[in-house]
Amino acid sequence: AAGFVGPVDSLWIGMLAGVLCYAGVLLKHRLGYDDALDAFGV
């Protein structure tokens, strides 16, 4: 999105990414796969 959105939009994208990727990292513990360094989660 970097060249298509405004700075205020980037605030929302960054915030949502932090929350969603944190939740994505927790998936490996719930589902039992070993994404060692969270390549999928992030």
Full PDB file with SEQRES, HELIX, SHEET, SSBOND, CRYST1, ORIGX, SCALE, CONECT and MASTER records, all heavy atoms in Angstrom:
SEQRES   1 A   42  ALA ALA GLY PHE VAL GLY PRO VAL ASP SER LEU TRP ILE          
SEQRES   2 A   42  GLY MET LEU ALA GLY VAL LEU CYS TYR ALA GLY VAL LEU          
SEQRES   3 A   42  LEU LYS HIS ARG LEU GLY TYR ASP ASP ALA LEU ASP ALA          
SEQRES   4 A   42  PHE GLY VAL                                                  
HELIX    1 AA1 PRO A    7  LEU A   31  1                                  25    
CRYST1    1.000    1.000    1.000  90.00  90.00  90.00 P 1           1          
ORIGX1      1.000000  0.000000  0.000000        0.00000                         
ORIGX2      0.000000  1.000000  0.000000        0.00000                         
ORIGX3      0.000000  0.000000  1.000000        0.00000                         
SCALE1      1.000000  0.000000  0.000000        0.00000                         
SCALE2      0.000000  1.000000  0.000000        0.00000                         
SCALE3      0.000000  0.000000  1.000000        0.00000                         
ATOM      1  N   ALA A   1       0.801  -1.227   0.000  1.00  0.00           N  
ATOM      2  CA  ALA A   1       0.000   0.000   0.000  1.00  0.00           C  
ATOM      3  C   ALA A   1       0.825   1.264   0.000  1.00  0.00           C  
ATOM      4  O   ALA A   1       0.279   2.361  -0.173  1.00  0.00           O  
ATOM      5  CB  ALA A   1      -0.912   0.006   1.236  1.00  0.00           C  
ATOM      6  N   ALA A   2       2.149   1.159   0.171  1.00  0.00           N  
ATOM      7  CA  ALA A   2       2.989   2.311   0.516  1.00  0.00           C  
ATOM      8  C   ALA A   2       2.824   3.501  -0.417  1.00  0.00           C  
ATOM      9  O   ALA A   2       2.856   4.650   0.029  1.00  0.00           O  
ATOM     10  CB  ALA A   2       4.461   1.887   0.562  1.00  0.00           C  
ATOM     11  N   GLY A   3       2.664   3.269  -1.698  1.00  0.00           N  
ATOM     12  CA  GLY A   3       2.566   4.366  -2.647  1.00  0.00           C  
ATOM     13  C   GLY A   3       1.150   4.709  -3.056  1.00  0.00           C  
ATOM     14  O   GLY A   3       0.943   5.513  -3.981  1.00  0.00           O  
ATOM     15  N   PHE A   4       0.157   4.122  -2.370  1.00  0.00           N  
ATOM     16  CA  PHE A   4      -1.238   4.323  -2.768  1.00  0.00           C  
ATOM     17  C   PHE A   4      -2.116   4.901  -1.674  1.00  0.00           C  
ATOM     18  O   PHE A   4      -3.296   5.186  -1.912  1.00  0.00           O  
ATOM     19  CB  PHE A   4      -1.852   2.989  -3.229  1.00  0.00           C  
ATOM     20  CG  PHE A   4      -1.129   2.344  -4.374  1.00  0.00           C  
ATOM     21  CD1 PHE A   4      -0.605   1.067  -4.253  1.00  0.00           C  
ATOM     22  CD2 PHE A   4      -0.960   3.007  -5.586  1.00  0.00           C  
ATOM     23  CE1 PHE A   4       0.055   0.457  -5.306  1.00  0.00           C  
ATOM     24  CE2 PHE A   4      -0.303   2.415  -6.651  1.00  0.00           C  
ATOM     25  CZ  PHE A   4       0.214   1.134  -6.512  1.00  0.00           C  
ATOM     26  N   VAL A   5      -1.593   5.043  -0.454  1.00  0.00           N  
ATOM     27  CA  VAL A   5      -2.404   5.516   0.671  1.00  0.00           C  
ATOM     28  C   VAL A   5      -1.746   6.725   1.322  1.00  0.00           C  
ATOM     29  O   VAL A   5      -0.583   7.038   1.045  1.00  0.00           O  
ATOM     30  CB  VAL A   5      -2.603   4.402   1.723  1.00  0.00           C  
ATOM     31  CG1 VAL A   5      -3.245   3.173   1.096  1.00  0.00           C  
ATOM     32  CG2 VAL A   5      -1.278   4.038   2.398  1.00  0.00           C  
ATOM     33  N   GLY A   6      -2.481   7.374   2.216  1.00  0.00           N  
ATOM     34  CA  GLY A   6      -1.944   8.529   2.925  1.00  0.00           C  
ATOM     35  C   GLY A   6      -1.361   8.162   4.279  1.00  0.00           C  
ATOM     36  O   GLY A   6      -1.554   7.044   4.777  1.00  0.00           O  
ATOM     37  N   PRO A   7      -0.658   9.090   4.913  1.00  0.00           N  
ATOM     38  CA  PRO A   7      -0.021   8.812   6.206  1.00  0.00           C  
ATOM     39  C   PRO A   7      -0.989   8.378   7.301  1.00  0.00           C  
ATOM     40  O   PRO A   7      -0.659   7.501   8.110  1.00  0.00           O  
ATOM     41  CB  PRO A   7       0.656  10.146   6.542  1.00  0.00           C  
ATOM     42  CG  PRO A   7       0.934  10.764   5.216  1.00  0.00           C  
ATOM     43  CD  PRO A   7      -0.242  10.391   4.367  1.00  0.00           C  
ATOM     44  N   VAL A   8      -2.174   8.971   7.360  1.00  0.00           N  
ATOM     45  CA  VAL A   8      -3.137   8.562   8.391  1.00  0.00           C  
ATOM     46  C   VAL A   8      -3.590   7.130   8.163  1.00  0.00           C  
ATOM     47  O   VAL A   8      -3.769   6.346   9.113  1.00  0.00           O  
ATOM     48  CB  VAL A   8      -4.343   9.527   8.422  1.00  0.00           C  
ATOM     49  CG1 VAL A   8      -5.411   9.014   9.384  1.00  0.00           C  
ATOM     50  CG2 VAL A   8      -3.893  10.923   8.824  1.00  0.00           C  
ATOM     51  N   ASP A   9      -3.765   6.753   6.906  1.00  0.00           N  
ATOM     52  CA  ASP A   9      -4.106   5.367   6.580  1.00  0.00           C  
ATOM     53  C   ASP A   9      -3.009   4.420   7.059  1.00  0.00           C  
ATOM     54  O   ASP A   9      -3.288   3.295   7.498  1.00  0.00           O  
ATOM     55  CB  ASP A   9      -4.300   5.205   5.070  1.00  0.00           C  
ATOM     56  CG  ASP A   9      -5.352   6.136   4.511  1.00  0.00           C  
ATOM     57  OD1 ASP A   9      -6.406   6.299   5.163  1.00  0.00           O  
ATOM     58  OD2 ASP A   9      -5.122   6.715   3.435  1.00  0.00           O  
ATOM     59  N   SER A  10      -1.757   4.849   6.975  1.00  0.00           N  
ATOM     60  CA  SER A  10      -0.641   4.017   7.411  1.00  0.00           C  
ATOM     61  C   SER A  10      -0.685   3.754   8.912  1.00  0.00           C  
ATOM     62  O   SER A  10      -0.230   2.703   9.374  1.00  0.00           O  
ATOM     63  CB  SER A  10       0.689   4.681   7.040  1.00  0.00           C  
ATOM     64  OG  SER A  10       0.799   4.829   5.649  1.00  0.00           O  
ATOM     65  N   LEU A  11      -1.212   4.712   9.681  1.00  0.00           N  
ATOM     66  CA  LEU A  11      -1.404   4.478  11.110  1.00  0.00           C  
ATOM     67  C   LEU A  11      -2.295   3.255  11.344  1.00  0.00           C  
ATOM     68  O   LEU A  11      -1.977   2.374  12.151  1.00  0.00           O  
ATOM     69  CB  LEU A  11      -2.035   5.705  11.774  1.00  0.00           C  
ATOM     70  CG  LEU A  11      -1.185   6.963  11.920  1.00  0.00           C  
ATOM     71  CD1 LEU A  11      -2.058   8.117  12.396  1.00  0.00           C  
ATOM     72  CD2 LEU A  11      -0.047   6.740  12.899  1.00  0.00           C  
ATOM     73  N   TRP A  12      -3.407   3.216  10.622  1.00  0.00           N  
ATOM     74  CA  TRP A  12      -4.343   2.101  10.783  1.00  0.00           C  
ATOM     75  C   TRP A  12      -3.732   0.789  10.294  1.00  0.00           C  
ATOM     76  O   TRP A  12      -3.889  -0.252  10.935  1.00  0.00           O  
ATOM     77  CB  TRP A  12      -5.638   2.398  10.024  1.00  0.00           C  
ATOM     78  CG  TRP A  12      -6.473   3.454  10.659  1.00  0.00           C  
ATOM     79  CD1 TRP A  12      -6.613   4.754  10.272  1.00  0.00           C  
ATOM     80  CD2 TRP A  12      -7.278   3.297  11.831  1.00  0.00           C  
ATOM     81  NE1 TRP A  12      -7.447   5.425  11.115  1.00  0.00           N  
ATOM     82  CE2 TRP A  12      -7.885   4.555  12.093  1.00  0.00           C  
ATOM     83  CE3 TRP A  12      -7.553   2.235  12.686  1.00  0.00           C  
ATOM     84  CZ2 TRP A  12      -8.749   4.763  13.153  1.00  0.00           C  
ATOM     85  CZ3 TRP A  12      -8.415   2.441  13.759  1.00  0.00           C  
ATOM     86  CH2 TRP A  12      -8.998   3.685  13.984  1.00  0.00           C  
ATOM     87  N   ILE A  13      -3.061   0.837   9.155  1.00  0.00           N  
ATOM     88  CA  ILE A  13      -2.466  -0.390   8.612  1.00  0.00           C  
ATOM     89  C   ILE A  13      -1.412  -0.941   9.565  1.00  0.00           C  
ATOM     90  O   ILE A  13      -1.356  -2.148   9.833  1.00  0.00           O  
ATOM     91  CB  ILE A  13      -1.877  -0.117   7.217  1.00  0.00           C  
ATOM     92  CG1 ILE A  13      -3.006   0.152   6.217  1.00  0.00           C  
ATOM     93  CG2 ILE A  13      -1.020  -1.298   6.743  1.00  0.00           C  
ATOM     94  CD1 ILE A  13      -2.539   0.591   4.845  1.00  0.00           C  
ATOM     95  N   GLY A  14      -0.565  -0.076  10.106  1.00  0.00           N  
ATOM     96  CA  GLY A  14       0.451  -0.521  11.040  1.00  0.00           C  
ATOM     97  C   GLY A  14      -0.140  -1.096  12.314  1.00  0.00           C  
ATOM     98  O   GLY A  14       0.304  -2.142  12.807  1.00  0.00           O  
ATOM     99  N   MET A  15      -1.145  -0.425  12.856  1.00  0.00           N  
ATOM    100  CA  MET A  15      -1.773  -0.897  14.082  1.00  0.00           C  
ATOM    101  C   MET A  15      -2.447  -2.254  13.868  1.00  0.00           C  
ATOM    102  O   MET A  15      -2.276  -3.186  14.665  1.00  0.00           O  
ATOM    103  CB  MET A  15      -2.802   0.115  14.579  1.00  0.00           C  
ATOM    104  CG  MET A  15      -3.454  -0.278  15.896  1.00  0.00           C  
ATOM    105  SD  MET A  15      -4.837   0.809  16.346  1.00  0.00           S  
ATOM    106  CE  MET A  15      -6.036   0.363  15.098  1.00  0.00           C  
ATOM    107  N   LEU A  16      -3.216  -2.372  12.797  1.00  0.00           N  
ATOM    108  CA  LEU A  16      -3.889  -3.637  12.514  1.00  0.00           C  
ATOM    109  C   LEU A  16      -2.883  -4.750  12.265  1.00  0.00           C  
ATOM    110  O   LEU A  16      -3.099  -5.901  12.682  1.00  0.00           O  
ATOM    111  CB  LEU A  16      -4.813  -3.469  11.304  1.00  0.00           C  
ATOM    112  CG  LEU A  16      -6.053  -2.601  11.539  1.00  0.00           C  
ATOM    113  CD1 LEU A  16      -6.762  -2.302  10.221  1.00  0.00           C  
ATOM    114  CD2 LEU A  16      -7.012  -3.290  12.513  1.00  0.00           C  
ATOM    115  N   ALA A  17      -1.777  -4.435  11.602  1.00  0.00           N  
ATOM    116  CA  ALA A  17      -0.763  -5.448  11.337  1.00  0.00           C  
ATOM    117  C   ALA A  17      -0.162  -5.976  12.636  1.00  0.00           C  
ATOM    118  O   ALA A  17       0.028  -7.188  12.801  1.00  0.00           O  
ATOM    119  CB  ALA A  17       0.340  -4.865  10.456  1.00  0.00           C  
ATOM    120  N   GLY A  18       0.137  -5.073  13.576  1.00  0.00           N  
ATOM    121  CA  GLY A  18       0.693  -5.504  14.848  1.00  0.00           C  
ATOM    122  C   GLY A  18      -0.219  -6.457  15.584  1.00  0.00           C  
ATOM    123  O   GLY A  18       0.223  -7.480  16.124  1.00  0.00           O  
ATOM    124  N   VAL A  19      -1.519  -6.148  15.599  1.00  0.00           N  
ATOM    125  CA  VAL A  19      -2.486  -6.982  16.312  1.00  0.00           C  
ATOM    126  C   VAL A  19      -2.728  -8.294  15.581  1.00  0.00           C  
ATOM    127  O   VAL A  19      -2.717  -9.385  16.176  1.00  0.00           O  
ATOM    128  CB  VAL A  19      -3.811  -6.215  16.502  1.00  0.00           C  
ATOM    129  CG1 VAL A  19      -4.879  -7.126  17.116  1.00  0.00           C  
ATOM    130  CG2 VAL A  19      -3.590  -4.994  17.379  1.00  0.00           C  
ATOM    131  N   LEU A  20      -2.954  -8.223  14.263  1.00  0.00           N  
ATOM    132  CA  LEU A  20      -3.267  -9.426  13.495  1.00  0.00           C  
ATOM    133  C   LEU A  20      -2.092 -10.393  13.440  1.00  0.00           C  
ATOM    134  O   LEU A  20      -2.278 -11.616  13.531  1.00  0.00           O  
ATOM    135  CB  LEU A  20      -3.696  -9.040  12.074  1.00  0.00           C  
ATOM    136  CG  LEU A  20      -5.036  -8.316  11.945  1.00  0.00           C  
ATOM    137  CD1 LEU A  20      -5.251  -7.839  10.515  1.00  0.00           C  
ATOM    138  CD2 LEU A  20      -6.186  -9.224  12.390  1.00  0.00           C  
ATOM    139  N   CYS A  21      -0.879  -9.869  13.275  1.00  0.00           N  
ATOM    140  CA  CYS A  21       0.283 -10.752  13.209  1.00  0.00           C  
ATOM    141  C   CYS A  21       0.585 -11.373  14.561  1.00  0.00           C  
ATOM    142  O   CYS A  21       1.041 -12.522  14.640  1.00  0.00           O  
ATOM    143  CB  CYS A  21       1.497 -10.002  12.666  1.00  0.00           C  
ATOM    144  SG  CYS A  21       1.358  -9.578  10.920  1.00  0.00           S  
ATOM    145  N   TYR A  22       0.330 -10.641  15.641  1.00  0.00           N  
ATOM    146  CA  TYR A  22       0.465 -11.236  16.971  1.00  0.00           C  
ATOM    147  C   TYR A  22      -0.492 -12.416  17.104  1.00  0.00           C  
ATOM    148  O   TYR A  22      -0.114 -13.498  17.575  1.00  0.00           O  
ATOM    149  CB  TYR A  22       0.177 -10.190  18.045  1.00  0.00           C  
ATOM    150  CG  TYR A  22       0.267 -10.743  19.457  1.00  0.00           C  
ATOM    151  CD1 TYR A  22       1.487 -10.800  20.108  1.00  0.00           C  
ATOM    152  CD2 TYR A  22      -0.870 -11.194  20.117  1.00  0.00           C  
ATOM    153  CE1 TYR A  22       1.586 -11.305  21.400  1.00  0.00           C  
ATOM    154  CE2 TYR A  22      -0.794 -11.697  21.406  1.00  0.00           C  
ATOM    155  CZ  TYR A  22       0.440 -11.757  22.046  1.00  0.00           C  
ATOM    156  OH  TYR A  22       0.522 -12.264  23.311  1.00  0.00           O  
ATOM    157  N   ALA A  23      -1.720 -12.221  16.662  1.00  0.00           N  
ATOM    158  CA  ALA A  23      -2.695 -13.321  16.700  1.00  0.00           C  
ATOM    159  C   ALA A  23      -2.265 -14.459  15.774  1.00  0.00           C  
ATOM    160  O   ALA A  23      -2.440 -15.638  16.108  1.00  0.00           O  
ATOM    161  CB  ALA A  23      -4.075 -12.807  16.301  1.00  0.00           C  
ATOM    162  N   GLY A  24      -1.685 -14.110  14.616  1.00  0.00           N  
ATOM    163  CA  GLY A  24      -1.225 -15.134  13.687  1.00  0.00           C  
ATOM    164  C   GLY A  24      -0.127 -16.001  14.258  1.00  0.00           C  
ATOM    165  O   GLY A  24      -0.075 -17.211  14.010  1.00  0.00           O  
ATOM    166  N   VAL A  25       0.754 -15.403  15.048  1.00  0.00           N  
ATOM    167  CA  VAL A  25       1.827 -16.167  15.682  1.00  0.00           C  
ATOM    168  C   VAL A  25       1.258 -17.159  16.695  1.00  0.00           C  
ATOM    169  O   VAL A  25       1.781 -18.270  16.864  1.00  0.00           O  
ATOM    170  CB  VAL A  25       2.841 -15.210  16.342  1.00  0.00           C  
ATOM    171  CG1 VAL A  25       3.794 -15.959  17.269  1.00  0.00           C  
ATOM    172  CG2 VAL A  25       3.626 -14.463  15.267  1.00  0.00           C  
ATOM    173  N   LEU A  26       0.178 -16.793  17.377  1.00  0.00           N  
ATOM    174  CA  LEU A  26      -0.430 -17.691  18.358  1.00  0.00           C  
ATOM    175  C   LEU A  26      -1.047 -18.928  17.708  1.00  0.00           C  
ATOM    176  O   LEU A  26      -1.253 -19.947  18.378  1.00  0.00           O  
ATOM    177  CB  LEU A  26      -1.514 -16.945  19.151  1.00  0.00           C  
ATOM    178  CG  LEU A  26      -1.040 -15.764  20.000  1.00  0.00           C  
ATOM    179  CD1 LEU A  26      -2.231 -15.151  20.738  1.00  0.00           C  
ATOM    180  CD2 LEU A  26       0.038 -16.190  20.990  1.00  0.00           C  
ATOM    181  N   LEU A  27      -1.349 -18.851  16.399  1.00  0.00           N  
ATOM    182  CA  LEU A  27      -1.967 -19.991  15.715  1.00  0.00           C  
ATOM    183  C   LEU A  27      -1.113 -21.247  15.790  1.00  0.00           C  
ATOM    184  O   LEU A  27      -1.635 -22.355  15.891  1.00  0.00           O  
ATOM    185  CB  LEU A  27      -2.226 -19.640  14.243  1.00  0.00           C  
ATOM    186  CG  LEU A  27      -3.423 -18.756  13.918  1.00  0.00           C  
ATOM    187  CD1 LEU A  27      -3.450 -18.449  12.431  1.00  0.00           C  
ATOM    188  CD2 LEU A  27      -4.718 -19.429  14.356  1.00  0.00           C  
ATOM    189  N   LYS A  28       0.215 -21.080  15.731  1.00  0.00           N  
ATOM    190  CA  LYS A  28       1.065 -22.271  15.697  1.00  0.00           C  
ATOM    191  C   LYS A  28       0.960 -23.062  16.993  1.00  0.00           C  
ATOM    192  O   LYS A  28       1.113 -24.284  16.991  1.00  0.00           O  
ATOM    193  CB  LYS A  28       2.514 -21.893  15.396  1.00  0.00           C  
ATOM    194  CG  LYS A  28       3.244 -21.122  16.480  1.00  0.00           C  
ATOM    195  CD  LYS A  28       4.679 -20.841  16.055  1.00  0.00           C  
ATOM    196  CE  LYS A  28       5.458 -20.115  17.153  1.00  0.00           C  
ATOM    197  NZ  LYS A  28       6.840 -19.829  16.716  1.00  0.00           N  
ATOM    198  N   HIS A  29       0.713 -22.379  18.100  1.00  0.00           N  
ATOM    199  CA  HIS A  29       0.553 -23.080  19.372  1.00  0.00           C  
ATOM    200  C   HIS A  29      -0.800 -23.788  19.438  1.00  0.00           C  
ATOM    201  O   HIS A  29      -0.907 -24.884  20.000  1.00  0.00           O  
ATOM    202  CB  HIS A  29       0.691 -22.101  20.531  1.00  0.00           C  
ATOM    203  CG  HIS A  29       1.996 -21.358  20.536  1.00  0.00           C  
ATOM    204  ND1 HIS A  29       3.214 -21.997  20.684  1.00  0.00           N  
ATOM    205  CD2 HIS A  29       2.281 -20.039  20.385  1.00  0.00           C  
ATOM    206  CE1 HIS A  29       4.190 -21.099  20.637  1.00  0.00           C  
ATOM    207  NE2 HIS A  29       3.647 -19.914  20.455  1.00  0.00           N  
ATOM    208  N   ARG A  30      -1.793 -23.182  18.847  1.00  0.00           N  
ATOM    209  CA  ARG A  30      -3.122 -23.792  18.861  1.00  0.00           C  
ATOM    210  C   ARG A  30      -3.228 -24.956  17.888  1.00  0.00           C  
ATOM    211  O   ARG A  30      -3.887 -25.957  18.173  1.00  0.00           O  
ATOM    212  CB  ARG A  30      -4.188 -22.745  18.526  1.00  0.00           C  
ATOM    213  CG  ARG A  30      -4.384 -21.694  19.607  1.00  0.00           C  
ATOM    214  CD  ARG A  30      -5.522 -20.752  19.271  1.00  0.00           C  
ATOM    215  NE  ARG A  30      -5.811 -19.837  20.367  1.00  0.00           N  
ATOM    216  CZ  ARG A  30      -6.614 -20.101  21.383  1.00  0.00           C  
ATOM    217  NH1 ARG A  30      -7.212 -21.276  21.433  1.00  0.00           N  
ATOM    218  NH2 ARG A  30      -6.821 -19.219  22.330  1.00  0.00           N  
ATOM    219  N   LEU A  31      -2.583 -24.828  16.726  1.00  0.00           N  
ATOM    220  CA  LEU A  31      -2.707 -25.844  15.678  1.00  0.00           C  
ATOM    221  C   LEU A  31      -1.574 -26.854  15.674  1.00  0.00           C  
ATOM    222  O   LEU A  31      -1.652 -27.880  15.000  1.00  0.00           O  
ATOM    223  CB  LEU A  31      -2.808 -25.166  14.305  1.00  0.00           C  
ATOM    224  CG  LEU A  31      -3.973 -24.183  14.139  1.00  0.00           C  
ATOM    225  CD1 LEU A  31      -3.984 -23.580  12.752  1.00  0.00           C  
ATOM    226  CD2 LEU A  31      -5.310 -24.879  14.430  1.00  0.00           C  
ATOM    227  N   GLY A  32      -0.475 -26.566  16.379  1.00  0.00           N  
ATOM    228  CA  GLY A  32       0.567 -27.562  16.577  1.00  0.00           C  
ATOM    229  C   GLY A  32       1.652 -27.625  15.526  1.00  0.00           C  
ATOM    230  O   GLY A  32       2.511 -28.501  15.596  1.00  0.00           O  
ATOM    231  N   TYR A  33       1.671 -26.719  14.544  1.00  0.00           N  
ATOM    232  CA  TYR A  33       2.769 -26.746  13.569  1.00  0.00           C  
ATOM    233  C   TYR A  33       3.932 -25.917  14.114  1.00  0.00           C  
ATOM    234  O   TYR A  33       3.773 -25.094  15.015  1.00  0.00           O  
ATOM    235  CB  TYR A  33       2.315 -26.233  12.202  1.00  0.00           C  
ATOM    236  CG  TYR A  33       1.819 -24.800  12.175  1.00  0.00           C  
ATOM    237  CD1 TYR A  33       2.707 -23.739  11.984  1.00  0.00           C  
ATOM    238  CD2 TYR A  33       0.477 -24.503  12.323  1.00  0.00           C  
ATOM    239  CE1 TYR A  33       2.263 -22.428  11.952  1.00  0.00           C  
ATOM    240  CE2 TYR A  33       0.012 -23.198  12.292  1.00  0.00           C  
ATOM    241  CZ  TYR A  33       0.909 -22.163  12.105  1.00  0.00           C  
ATOM    242  OH  TYR A  33       0.467 -20.865  12.077  1.00  0.00           O  
ATOM    243  N   ASP A  34       5.114 -26.140  13.564  1.00  0.00           N  
ATOM    244  CA  ASP A  34       6.326 -25.497  14.076  1.00  0.00           C  
ATOM    245  C   ASP A  34       6.885 -24.517  13.047  1.00  0.00           C  
ATOM    246  O   ASP A  34       7.771 -24.849  12.267  1.00  0.00           O  
ATOM    247  CB  ASP A  34       7.366 -26.569  14.428  1.00  0.00           C  
ATOM    248  CG  ASP A  34       8.623 -25.980  15.068  1.00  0.00           C  
ATOM    249  OD1 ASP A  34       8.599 -24.788  15.424  1.00  0.00           O  
ATOM    250  OD2 ASP A  34       9.616 -26.718  15.194  1.00  0.00           O  
ATOM    251  N   ASP A  35       6.335 -23.325  13.039  1.00  0.00           N  
ATOM    252  CA  ASP A  35       6.878 -22.218  12.235  1.00  0.00           C  
ATOM    253  C   ASP A  35       7.926 -21.545  13.115  1.00  0.00           C  
ATOM    254  O   ASP A  35       7.635 -20.623  13.864  1.00  0.00           O  
ATOM    255  CB  ASP A  35       5.747 -21.255  11.872  1.00  0.00           C  
ATOM    256  CG  ASP A  35       6.201 -20.055  11.053  1.00  0.00           C  
ATOM    257  OD1 ASP A  35       7.393 -20.000  10.682  1.00  0.00           O  
ATOM    258  OD2 ASP A  35       5.370 -19.169  10.803  1.00  0.00           O  
ATOM    259  N   ALA A  36       9.167 -22.031  13.021  1.00  0.00           N  
ATOM    260  CA  ALA A  36      10.190 -21.743  14.034  1.00  0.00           C  
ATOM    261  C   ALA A  36      10.353 -20.257  14.318  1.00  0.00           C  
ATOM    262  O   ALA A  36      10.411 -19.838  15.472  1.00  0.00           O  
ATOM    263  CB  ALA A  36      11.523 -22.361  13.603  1.00  0.00           C  
ATOM    264  N   LEU A  37      10.440 -19.438  13.279  1.00  0.00           N  
ATOM    265  CA  LEU A  37      10.713 -18.013  13.452  1.00  0.00           C  
ATOM    266  C   LEU A  37       9.555 -17.151  12.956  1.00  0.00           C  
ATOM    267  O   LEU A  37       9.729 -15.982  12.618  1.00  0.00           O  
ATOM    268  CB  LEU A  37      12.017 -17.635  12.744  1.00  0.00           C  
ATOM    269  CG  LEU A  37      13.233 -18.510  13.101  1.00  0.00           C  
ATOM    270  CD1 LEU A  37      14.473 -18.022  12.380  1.00  0.00           C  
ATOM    271  CD2 LEU A  37      13.460 -18.540  14.602  1.00  0.00           C  
ATOM    272  N   ASP A  38       8.377 -17.748  12.872  1.00  0.00           N  
ATOM    273  CA  ASP A  38       7.127 -17.036  12.568  1.00  0.00           C  
ATOM    274  C   ASP A  38       7.113 -16.389  11.189  1.00  0.00           C  
ATOM    275  O   ASP A  38       6.600 -15.268  11.010  1.00  0.00           O  
ATOM    276  CB  ASP A  38       6.836 -15.989  13.654  1.00  0.00           C  
ATOM    277  CG  ASP A  38       6.675 -16.622  15.025  1.00  0.00           C  
ATOM    278  OD1 ASP A  38       5.994 -17.651  15.111  1.00  0.00           O  
ATOM    279  OD2 ASP A  38       7.243 -16.099  15.995  1.00  0.00           O  
ATOM    280  N   ALA A  39       7.634 -17.103  10.209  1.00  0.00           N  
ATOM    281  CA  ALA A  39       7.604 -16.585   8.842  1.00  0.00           C  
ATOM    282  C   ALA A  39       6.173 -16.449   8.333  1.00  0.00           C  
ATOM    283  O   ALA A  39       5.824 -15.465   7.673  1.00  0.00           O  
ATOM    284  CB  ALA A  39       8.413 -17.501   7.915  1.00  0.00           C  
ATOM    285  N   PHE A  40       5.320 -17.444   8.640  1.00  0.00           N  
ATOM    286  CA  PHE A  40       3.922 -17.337   8.221  1.00  0.00           C  
ATOM    287  C   PHE A  40       3.173 -16.312   9.072  1.00  0.00           C  
ATOM    288  O   PHE A  40       2.430 -15.483   8.556  1.00  0.00           O  
ATOM    289  CB  PHE A  40       3.215 -18.693   8.314  1.00  0.00           C  
ATOM    290  CG  PHE A  40       1.727 -18.599   8.134  1.00  0.00           C  
ATOM    291  CD1 PHE A  40       1.190 -18.297   6.890  1.00  0.00           C  
ATOM    292  CD2 PHE A  40       0.859 -18.781   9.202  1.00  0.00           C  
ATOM    293  CE1 PHE A  40      -0.199 -18.184   6.708  1.00  0.00           C  
ATOM    294  CE2 PHE A  40      -0.524 -18.676   9.042  1.00  0.00           C  
ATOM    295  CZ  PHE A  40      -1.049 -18.377   7.789  1.00  0.00           C  
ATOM    296  N   GLY A  41       3.371 -16.365  10.400  1.00  0.00           N  
ATOM    297  CA  GLY A  41       2.644 -15.478  11.286  1.00  0.00           C  
ATOM    298  C   GLY A  41       2.860 -14.015  10.974  1.00  0.00           C  
ATOM    299  O   GLY A  41       1.938 -13.200  11.077  1.00  0.00           O  
ATOM    300  N   VAL A  42       4.083 -13.649  10.575  1.00  0.00           N  
ATOM    301  CA  VAL A  42       4.391 -12.246  10.288  1.00  0.00           C  
ATOM    302  C   VAL A  42       4.233 -11.938   8.802  1.00  0.00           C  
ATOM    303  O   VAL A  42       3.520 -10.991   8.422  1.00  0.00           O  
ATOM    304  CB  VAL A  42       5.815 -11.888  10.766  1.00  0.00           C  
ATOM    305  CG1 VAL A  42       6.184 -10.477  10.319  1.00  0.00           C  
ATOM    306  CG2 VAL A  42       5.891 -11.992  12.290  1.00  0.00           C  
TER     307      VAL A  42                                                      
MASTER        0    0    0    1    0    0    0    6  306    1    0    4          
END                                                                             
